[in-house]
PDB file of N, CA and C in Angstrom:
ATOM      1  N   VAL A   1       0.838  -1.186   0.000  1.00  0.00           N
ATOM      2  CA  VAL A   1       0.000   0.000   0.000  1.00  0.00           C
ATOM      3  C   VAL A   1       0.885   1.252   0.000  1.00  0.00           C
ATOM      4  N   TYR A   2       1.938   1.262   0.840  1.00  0.00           N
ATOM      5  CA  TYR A   2       2.798   2.443   0.902  1.00  0.00           C
ATOM      6  C   TYR A   2       3.548   2.667  -0.406  1.00  0.00           C
ATOM      7  N   SER A   3       3.992   1.581  -1.028  1.00  0.00           N
ATOM      8  CA  SER A   3       4.748   1.740  -2.273  1.00  0.00           C
ATOM      9  C   SER A   3       3.849   2.276  -3.389  1.00  0.00           C
ATOM     10  N   VAL A   4       2.573   1.866  -3.400  1.00  0.00           N
ATOM     11  CA  VAL A   4       1.633   2.382  -4.399  1.00  0.00           C
ATOM     12  C   VAL A   4       1.420   3.878  -4.177  1.00  0.00           C
ATOM     13  N   ASN A   5       1.209   4.294  -2.932  1.00  0.00           N
ATOM     14  CA  ASN A   5       1.039   5.712  -2.632  1.00  0.00           C
ATOM     15  C   ASN A   5       2.289   6.505  -2.984  1.00  0.00           C
ATOM     16  N   TRP A   6       3.462   5.910  -2.711  1.00  0.00           N
ATOM     17  CA  TRP A   6       4.703   6.589  -3.026  1.00  0.00           C
ATOM     18  C   TRP A   6       4.838   6.768  -4.529  1.00  0.00           C
ATOM     19  N   LEU A   7       4.492   5.755  -5.299  1.00  0.00           N
ATOM     20  CA  LEU A   7       4.581   5.844  -6.757  1.00  0.00           C
ATOM     21  C   LEU A   7       3.599   6.885  -7.310  1.00  0.00           C
ATOM     22  N   LYS A   8       2.401   6.938  -6.742  1.00  0.00           N
ATOM     23  CA  LYS A   8       1.438   7.956  -7.170  1.00  0.00           C
ATOM     24  C   LYS A   8       1.947   9.354  -6.852  1.00  0.00           C
ATOM     25  N   ALA A   9       2.505   9.523  -5.673  1.00  0.00           N
ATOM     26  CA  ALA A   9       3.038  10.828  -5.278  1.00  0.00           C
ATOM     27  C   ALA A   9       4.217  11.220  -6.172  1.00  0.00           C
ATOM     28  N   LYS A  10       5.054  10.256  -6.500  1.00  0.00           N
ATOM     29  CA  LYS A  10       6.197  10.521  -7.393  1.00  0.00           C
ATOM     30  C   LYS A  10       5.696  10.934  -8.773  1.00  0.00           C
ATOM     31  N   ALA A  11       4.681  10.261  -9.285  1.00  0.00           N
ATOM     32  CA  ALA A  11       4.125  10.604 -10.593  1.00  0.00           C
ATOM     33  C   ALA A  11       3.516  12.006 -10.581  1.00  0.00           C
ATOM     34  N   ARG A  12       2.793  12.339  -9.497  1.00  0.00           N
ATOM     35  CA  ARG A  12       2.229  13.692  -9.381  1.00  0.00           C
ATOM     36  C   ARG A  12       3.336  14.732  -9.363  1.00  0.00           C
ATOM     37  N   TRP A  13       4.417  14.484  -8.637  1.00  0.00           N
ATOM     38  CA  TRP A  13       5.543  15.416  -8.558  1.00  0.00           C
ATOM     39  C   TRP A  13       6.172  15.617  -9.934  1.00  0.00           C
ATOM     40  N   GLU A  14       6.360  14.510 -10.663  1.00  0.00           N
ATOM     41  CA  GLU A  14       6.966  14.608 -11.995  1.00  0.00           C
ATOM     42  C   GLU A  14       6.070  15.382 -12.959  1.00  0.00           C
ATOM     43  N   ARG A  15       4.752  15.182 -12.876  1.00  0.00           N
ATOM     44  CA  ARG A  15       3.824  15.948 -13.725  1.00  0.00           C
ATOM     45  C   ARG A  15       3.882  17.422 -13.363  1.00  0.00           C
ATOM     46  N   TRP A  16       3.975  17.736 -12.069  1.00  0.00           N
ATOM     47  CA  TRP A  16       4.061  19.122 -11.624  1.00  0.00           C
ATOM     48  C   TRP A  16       5.344  19.774 -12.129  1.00  0.00           C
ATOM     49  N   GLU A  17       6.460  19.064 -12.049  1.00  0.00           N
ATOM     50  CA  GLU A  17       7.731  19.592 -12.550  1.00  0.00           C
ATOM     51  C   GLU A  17       7.655  19.870 -14.045  1.00  0.00           C
ATOM     52  N   GLU A  18       7.037  18.961 -14.790  1.00  0.00           N
ATOM     53  CA  GLU A  18       6.893  19.148 -16.232  1.00  0.00           C
ATOM     54  C   GLU A  18       6.025  20.368 -16.533  1.00  0.00           C
ATOM     55  N   GLU A  19       4.929  20.504 -15.818  1.00  0.00           N
ATOM     56  CA  GLU A  19       4.031  21.643 -16.017  1.00  0.00           C
ATOM     57  C   GLU A  19       4.744  22.956 -15.671  1.00  0.00           C
ATOM     58  N   LEU A  20       5.505  22.971 -14.603  1.00  0.00           N
ATOM     59  CA  LEU A  20       6.264  24.163 -14.223  1.00  0.00           C
ATOM     60  C   LEU A  20       7.245  24.549 -15.323  1.00  0.00           C
ATOM     61  N   HIS A  21       7.936  23.558 -15.861  1.00  0.00           N
ATOM     62  CA  HIS A  21       8.894  23.803 -16.936  1.00  0.00           C
ATOM     63  C   HIS A  21       8.187  24.402 -18.163  1.00  0.00           C
ATOM     64  N   LEU A  22       7.037  23.852 -18.518  1.00  0.00           N
ATOM     65  CA  LEU A  22       6.280  24.365 -19.666  1.00  0.00           C
ATOM     66  C   LEU A  22       5.801  25.796 -19.424  1.00  0.00           C
ATOM     67  N   VAL A  23       5.302  26.066 -18.245  1.00  0.00           N
ATOM     68  CA  VAL A  23       4.811  27.417 -17.934  1.00  0.00           C
ATOM     69  C   VAL A  23       5.959  28.424 -17.982  1.00  0.00           C
ATOM     70  N   GLN A  24       7.129  28.047 -17.485  1.00  0.00           N
ATOM     71  CA  GLN A  24       8.276  28.950 -17.537  1.00  0.00           C
ATOM     72  C   GLN A  24       8.653  29.273 -18.984  1.00  0.00           C
ATOM     73  N   HIS A  25       8.605  28.265 -19.845  1.00  0.00           N
ATOM     74  CA  HIS A  25       8.878  28.502 -21.265  1.00  0.00           C
ATOM     75  C   HIS A  25       7.792  29.377 -21.888  1.00  0.00           C
ATOM     76  N   GLU A  26       6.539  29.131 -21.536  1.00  0.00           N
ATOM     77  CA  GLU A  26       5.447  29.933 -22.082  1.00  0.00           C
ATOM     78  C   GLU A  26       5.583  31.397 -21.681  1.00  0.00           C
ATOM     79  N   MET A  27       6.100  31.657 -20.491  1.00  0.00           N
ATOM     80  CA  MET A  27       6.343  33.040 -20.076  1.00  0.00           C
ATOM     81  C   MET A  27       7.350  33.696 -21.016  1.00  0.00           C
ATOM     82  N   GLY A  28       8.428  32.993 -21.309  1.00  0.00           N
ATOM     83  CA  GLY A  28       9.435  33.518 -22.235  1.00  0.00           C
ATOM     84  C   GLY A  28       8.879  33.719 -23.630  1.00  0.00           C
ATOM     85  N   TRP A  29       8.052  32.761 -24.083  1.00  0.00           N
ATOM     86  CA  TRP A  29       7.451  32.882 -25.411  1.00  0.00           C
ATOM     87  C   TRP A  29       6.505  34.067 -25.480  1.00  0.00           C
ATOM     88  N   THR A  30       5.803  34.338 -24.387  1.00  0.00           N
ATOM     89  CA  THR A  30       4.880  35.479 -24.340  1.00  0.00           C
ATOM     90  C   THR A  30       5.648  36.785 -24.499  1.00  0.00           C
ATOM     91  N   VAL A  31       6.740  36.926 -23.778  1.00  0.00           N
ATOM     92  CA  VAL A  31       7.563  38.134 -23.913  1.00  0.00           C
ATOM     93  C   VAL A  31       8.077  38.252 -25.346  1.00  0.00           C
ATOM     94  N   GLY A  32       8.532  37.153 -25.906  1.00  0.00           N
ATOM     95  CA  GLY A  32       9.014  37.159 -27.293  1.00  0.00           C
ATOM     96  C   GLY A  32       7.938  37.567 -28.284  1.00  0.00           C
ATOM     97  N   TRP A  33       6.718  37.078 -28.075  1.00  0.00           N
ATOM     98  CA  TRP A  33       5.607  37.424 -28.962  1.00  0.00           C
ATOM     99  C   TRP A  33       5.288  38.912 -28.872  1.00  0.00           C
ATOM    100  N   PHE A  34       5.269  39.446 -27.661  1.00  0.00           N
ATOM    101  CA  PHE A  34       4.994  40.874 -27.489  1.00  0.00           C
ATOM    102  C   PHE A  34       6.090  41.717 -28.145  1.00  0.00           C
ATOM    103  N   ARG A  35       7.337  41.303 -28.015  1.00  0.00           N
ATOM    104  CA  ARG A  35       8.434  42.025 -28.674  1.00  0.00           C
ATOM    105  C   ARG A  35       8.289  41.963 -30.193  1.00  0.00           C
ATOM    106  N   HIS A  36       7.894  40.801 -30.695  1.00  0.00           N
ATOM    107  CA  HIS A  36       7.699  40.639 -32.135  1.00  0.00           C
ATOM    108  C   HIS A  36       6.615  41.597 -32.637  1.00  0.00           C
ATOM    109  N   LYS A  37       5.483  41.652 -31.926  1.00  0.00           N
ATOM    110  CA  LYS A  37       4.395  42.547 -32.333  1.00  0.00           C
ATOM    111  C   LYS A  37       4.837  44.010 -32.253  1.00  0.00           C
ATOM    112  N   MET A  38       5.604  44.368 -31.230  1.00  0.00           N
ATOM    113  CA  MET A  38       6.110  45.727 -31.120  1.00  0.00           C
ATOM    114  C   MET A  38       7.003  46.054 -32.324  1.00  0.00           C
ATOM    115  N   GLY A  39       7.845  45.107 -32.719  1.00  0.00           N
ATOM    116  CA  GLY A  39       8.711  45.300 -33.886  1.00  0.00           C
ATOM    117  C   GLY A  39       7.924  45.464 -35.176  1.00  0.00           C
ATOM    118  N   GLU A  40       6.849  44.685 -35.326  1.00  0.00           N
ATOM    119  CA  GLU A  40       5.996  44.829 -36.513  1.00  0.00           C
ATOM    120  C   GLU A  40       5.420  46.232 -36.604  1.00  0.00           C
ATOM    121  N   TRP A  41       4.949  46.760 -35.477  1.00  0.00           N
ATOM    122  CA  TRP A  41       4.346  48.094 -35.478  1.00  0.00           C
ATOM    123  C   TRP A  41       5.394  49.178 -35.653  1.00  0.00           C
ATOM    124  N   GLU A  42       6.603  48.952 -35.150  1.00  0.00           N
ATOM    125  CA  GLU A  42       7.679  49.915 -35.403  1.00  0.00           C
ATOM    126  C   GLU A  42       7.981  49.994 -36.895  1.00  0.00           C
ATOM    127  N   LYS A  43       7.986  48.840 -37.541  1.00  0.00           N
ATOM    128  CA  LYS A  43       8.221  48.810 -38.996  1.00  0.00           C
ATOM    129  C   LYS A  43       7.089  49.525 -39.725  1.00  0.00           C
ATOM    130  N   ARG A  44       5.846  49.295 -39.326  1.00  0.00           N
ATOM    131  CA  ARG A  44       4.711  49.974 -39.954  1.00  0.00           C
ATOM    132  C   ARG A  44       4.784  51.481 -39.737  1.00  0.00           C
ATOM    133  N   TYR A  45       5.243  51.887 -38.544  1.00  0.00           N
ATOM    134  CA  TYR A  45       5.393  53.312 -38.253  1.00  0.00           C
ATOM    135  C   TYR A  45       6.404  53.937 -39.224  1.00  0.00           C
ATOM    136  N   GLN A  46       7.525  53.259 -39.424  1.00  0.00           N
ATOM    137  CA  GLN A  46       8.570  53.789 -40.306  1.00  0.00           C
ATOM    138  C   GLN A  46       8.127  53.825 -41.760  1.00  0.00           C
ATOM    139  N   GLU A  47       7.270  52.905 -42.154  1.00  0.00           N
ATOM    140  CA  GLU A  47       6.819  52.834 -43.541  1.00  0.00           C
ATOM    141  C   GLU A  47       5.591  53.695 -43.820  1.00  0.00           C
ATOM    142  N   ALA A  48       4.935  54.183 -42.770  1.00  0.00           N
ATOM    143  CA  ALA A  48       3.708  54.956 -42.938  1.00  0.00           C
ATOM    144  C   ALA A  48       4.008  56.284 -43.618  1.00  0.00           C
ATOM    145  N   THR A  49       3.123  56.671 -44.531  1.00  0.00           N
ATOM    146  CA  THR A  49       3.311  57.927 -45.260  1.00  0.00           C
ATOM    147  C   THR A  49       2.349  59.006 -44.782  1.00  0.00           C
ATOM    148  N   LYS A  50       1.256  58.603 -44.155  1.00  0.00           N
ATOM    149  CA  LYS A  50       0.276  59.572 -43.670  1.00  0.00           C
ATOM    150  C   LYS A  50       0.428  59.752 -42.163  1.00  0.00           C
ATOM    151  N   LEU A  51       0.186  60.967 -41.709  1.00  0.00           N
ATOM    152  CA  LEU A  51       0.332  61.271 -40.287  1.00  0.00           C
ATOM    153  C   LEU A  51      -0.612  60.436 -39.419  1.00  0.00           C
ATOM    154  N   GLY A  52      -1.831  60.221 -39.884  1.00  0.00           N
ATOM    155  CA  GLY A  52      -2.781  59.413 -39.126  1.00  0.00           C
ATOM    156  C   GLY A  52      -2.307  57.983 -38.948  1.00  0.00           C
ATOM    157  N   HIS A  53      -1.722  57.437 -40.007  1.00  0.00           N
ATOM    158  CA  HIS A  53      -1.192  56.074 -39.937  1.00  0.00           C
ATOM    159  C   HIS A  53       0.003  56.006 -38.988  1.00  0.00           C
ATOM    160  N   GLN A  54       0.848  57.033 -39.041  1.00  0.00           N
ATOM    161  CA  GLN A  54       1.996  57.077 -38.128  1.00  0.00           C
ATOM    162  C   GLN A  54       1.534  57.174 -36.672  1.00  0.00           C
ATOM    163  N   ALA A  55       0.536  58.009 -36.445  1.00  0.00           N
ATOM    164  CA  ALA A  55       0.026  58.179 -35.079  1.00  0.00           C
ATOM    165  C   ALA A  55      -0.538  56.864 -34.542  1.00  0.00           C
ATOM    166  N   TYR A  56      -1.321  56.171 -35.384  1.00  0.00           N
ATOM    167  CA  TYR A  56      -1.906  54.897 -34.949  1.00  0.00           C
ATOM    168  C   TYR A  56      -0.796  53.872 -34.689  1.00  0.00           C
ATOM    169  N   ALA A  57       0.177  53.795 -35.594  1.00  0.00           N
ATOM    170  CA  ALA A  57       1.265  52.832 -35.432  1.00  0.00           C
ATOM    171  C   ALA A  57       2.084  53.144 -34.174  1.00  0.00           C
ATOM    172  N   GLN A  58       2.328  54.420 -33.924  1.00  0.00           N
ATOM    173  CA  GLN A  58       3.075  54.801 -32.730  1.00  0.00           C
ATOM    174  C   GLN A  58       2.322  54.404 -31.463  1.00  0.00           C
ATOM    175  N   ARG A  59       1.016  54.571 -31.489  1.00  0.00           N
ATOM    176  CA  ARG A  59       0.203  54.165 -30.338  1.00  0.00           C
ATOM    177  C   ARG A  59       0.281  52.654 -30.121  1.00  0.00           C
ATOM    178  N   GLN A  60       0.283  51.898 -31.215  1.00  0.00           N
ATOM    179  CA  GLN A  60       0.403  50.440 -31.105  1.00  0.00           C
ATOM    180  C   GLN A  60       1.779  50.046 -30.571  1.00  0.00           C
ATOM    181  N   VAL A  61       2.819  50.737 -31.024  1.00  0.00           N
ATOM    182  CA  VAL A  61       4.174  50.459 -30.513  1.00  0.00           C
ATOM    183  C   VAL A  61       4.198  50.655 -29.006  1.00  0.00           C
ATOM    184  N   LEU A  62       3.635  51.770 -28.547  1.00  0.00           N
ATOM    185  CA  LEU A  62       3.628  52.047 -27.109  1.00  0.00           C
ATOM    186  C   LEU A  62       2.810  51.017 -26.338  1.00  0.00           C
ATOM    187  N   LEU A  63       1.711  50.555 -26.924  1.00  0.00           N
ATOM    188  CA  LEU A  63       0.873  49.538 -26.292  1.00  0.00           C
ATOM    189  C   LEU A  63       1.659  48.234 -26.105  1.00  0.00           C
ATOM    190  N   TRP A  64       2.298  47.761 -27.186  1.00  0.00           N
ATOM    191  CA  TRP A  64       3.049  46.505 -27.111  1.00  0.00           C
ATOM    192  C   TRP A  64       4.273  46.651 -26.219  1.00  0.00           C
ATOM    193  N   LYS A  65       4.882  47.841 -26.214  1.00  0.00           N
ATOM    194  CA  LYS A  65       6.019  48.074 -25.322  1.00  0.00           C
ATOM    195  C   LYS A  65       5.577  47.983 -23.868  1.00  0.00           C
ATOM    196  N   ARG A  66       4.406  48.536 -23.573  1.00  0.00           N
ATOM    197  CA  ARG A  66       3.867  48.457 -22.210  1.00  0.00           C
ATOM    198  C   ARG A  66       3.597  46.998 -21.834  1.00  0.00           C
ATOM    199  N   PHE A  67       3.076  46.217 -22.791  1.00  0.00           N
ATOM    200  CA  PHE A  67       2.867  44.784 -22.529  1.00  0.00           C
ATOM    201  C   PHE A  67       4.195  44.110 -22.188  1.00  0.00           C
ATOM    202  N   VAL A  68       5.225  44.403 -22.987  1.00  0.00           N
ATOM    203  CA  VAL A  68       6.544  43.795 -22.756  1.00  0.00           C
ATOM    204  C   VAL A  68       7.044  44.141 -21.360  1.00  0.00           C
ATOM    205  N   LEU A  69       6.995  45.414 -21.011  1.00  0.00           N
ATOM    206  CA  LEU A  69       7.487  45.840 -19.700  1.00  0.00           C
ATOM    207  C   LEU A  69       6.692  45.212 -18.561  1.00  0.00           C
ATOM    208  N   ASN A  70       5.369  45.134 -18.731  1.00  0.00           N
ATOM    209  CA  ASN A  70       4.529  44.542 -17.679  1.00  0.00           C
ATOM    210  C   ASN A  70       4.831  43.065 -17.463  1.00  0.00           C
ATOM    211  N   VAL A  71       4.920  42.308 -18.550  1.00  0.00           N
ATOM    212  CA  VAL A  71       5.158  40.870 -18.362  1.00  0.00           C
ATOM    213  C   VAL A  71       6.586  40.599 -17.918  1.00  0.00           C
ATOM    214  N   GLU A  72       7.541  41.393 -18.401  1.00  0.00           N
ATOM    215  CA  GLU A  72       8.912  41.194 -17.925  1.00  0.00           C
ATOM    216  C   GLU A  72       8.987  41.456 -16.422  1.00  0.00           C
ATOM    217  N   ASN A  73       8.290  42.476 -15.968  1.00  0.00           N
ATOM    218  CA  ASN A  73       8.279  42.765 -14.534  1.00  0.00           C
ATOM    219  C   ASN A  73       7.537  41.661 -13.763  1.00  0.00           C
ATOM    220  N   SER A  74       6.428  41.200 -14.303  1.00  0.00           N
ATOM    221  CA  SER A  74       5.643  40.159 -13.622  1.00  0.00           C
ATOM    222  C   SER A  74       6.358  38.815 -13.605  1.00  0.00           C
ATOM    223  N   PHE A  75       7.037  38.486 -14.707  1.00  0.00           N
ATOM    224  CA  PHE A  75       7.666  37.173 -14.844  1.00  0.00           C
ATOM    225  C   PHE A  75       9.124  37.173 -14.393  1.00  0.00           C
ATOM    226  N   LYS A  76       9.617  38.311 -13.908  1.00  0.00           N
ATOM    227  CA  LYS A  76      11.027  38.427 -13.541  1.00  0.00           C
ATOM    228  C   LYS A  76      11.427  37.283 -12.602  1.00  0.00           C
ATOM    229  N   ASP A  77      12.533  36.650 -12.901  1.00  0.00           N
ATOM    230  CA  ASP A  77      13.098  35.535 -12.115  1.00  0.00           C
ATOM    231  C   ASP A  77      12.216  34.281 -12.124  1.00  0.00           C
ATOM    232  N   LYS A  78      11.214  34.238 -12.997  1.00  0.00           N
ATOM    233  CA  LYS A  78      10.340  33.067 -13.047  1.00  0.00           C
ATOM    234  C   LYS A  78      10.360  32.387 -14.410  1.00  0.00           C
ATOM    235  N   MET A  79      10.798  33.103 -15.438  1.00  0.00           N
ATOM    236  CA  MET A  79      10.698  32.547 -16.799  1.00  0.00           C
ATOM    237  C   MET A  79      12.041  32.070 -17.316  1.00  0.00           C
ATOM    238  N   ILE A  80      11.943  31.235 -18.319  1.00  0.00           N
ATOM    239  CA  ILE A  80      13.110  30.784 -19.066  1.00  0.00           C
ATOM    240  C   ILE A  80      13.107  31.607 -20.344  1.00  0.00           C
ATOM    241  N   ILE A  81      14.169  32.365 -20.570  1.00  0.00           N
ATOM    242  CA  ILE A  81      14.215  33.264 -21.728  1.00  0.00           C
ATOM    243  C   ILE A  81      14.658  32.466 -22.947  1.00  0.00           C
ATOM    244  N   VAL A  82      13.822  32.536 -23.988  1.00  0.00           N
ATOM    245  CA  VAL A  82      14.087  31.831 -25.240  1.00  0.00           C
ATOM    246  C   VAL A  82      14.092  32.863 -26.358  1.00  0.00           C
ATOM    247  N   PHE A  83      15.191  32.960 -27.094  1.00  0.00           N
ATOM    248  CA  PHE A  83      15.258  33.916 -28.213  1.00  0.00           C
ATOM    249  C   PHE A  83      15.353  33.189 -29.511  1.00  0.00           C
TER     250      PHE A  83
END
């Protein structure tokens, strides 16, 4: 009975470790995705010919930059950085 409980507990621990590892990677991927979107909008800002388009693109750049800063601050020391 004890060995069965021990094996179940070991399996639960291993699943938890795997899930933790995946979540840490997902945190890094989230930051990477936000940086990618910020870069896309920076490129659109540079290519925009109309002031309205530039203004909208600049606002999007600032939005994605804020996302990057927020998640980097929230995930600090918790994520695995993947570039």
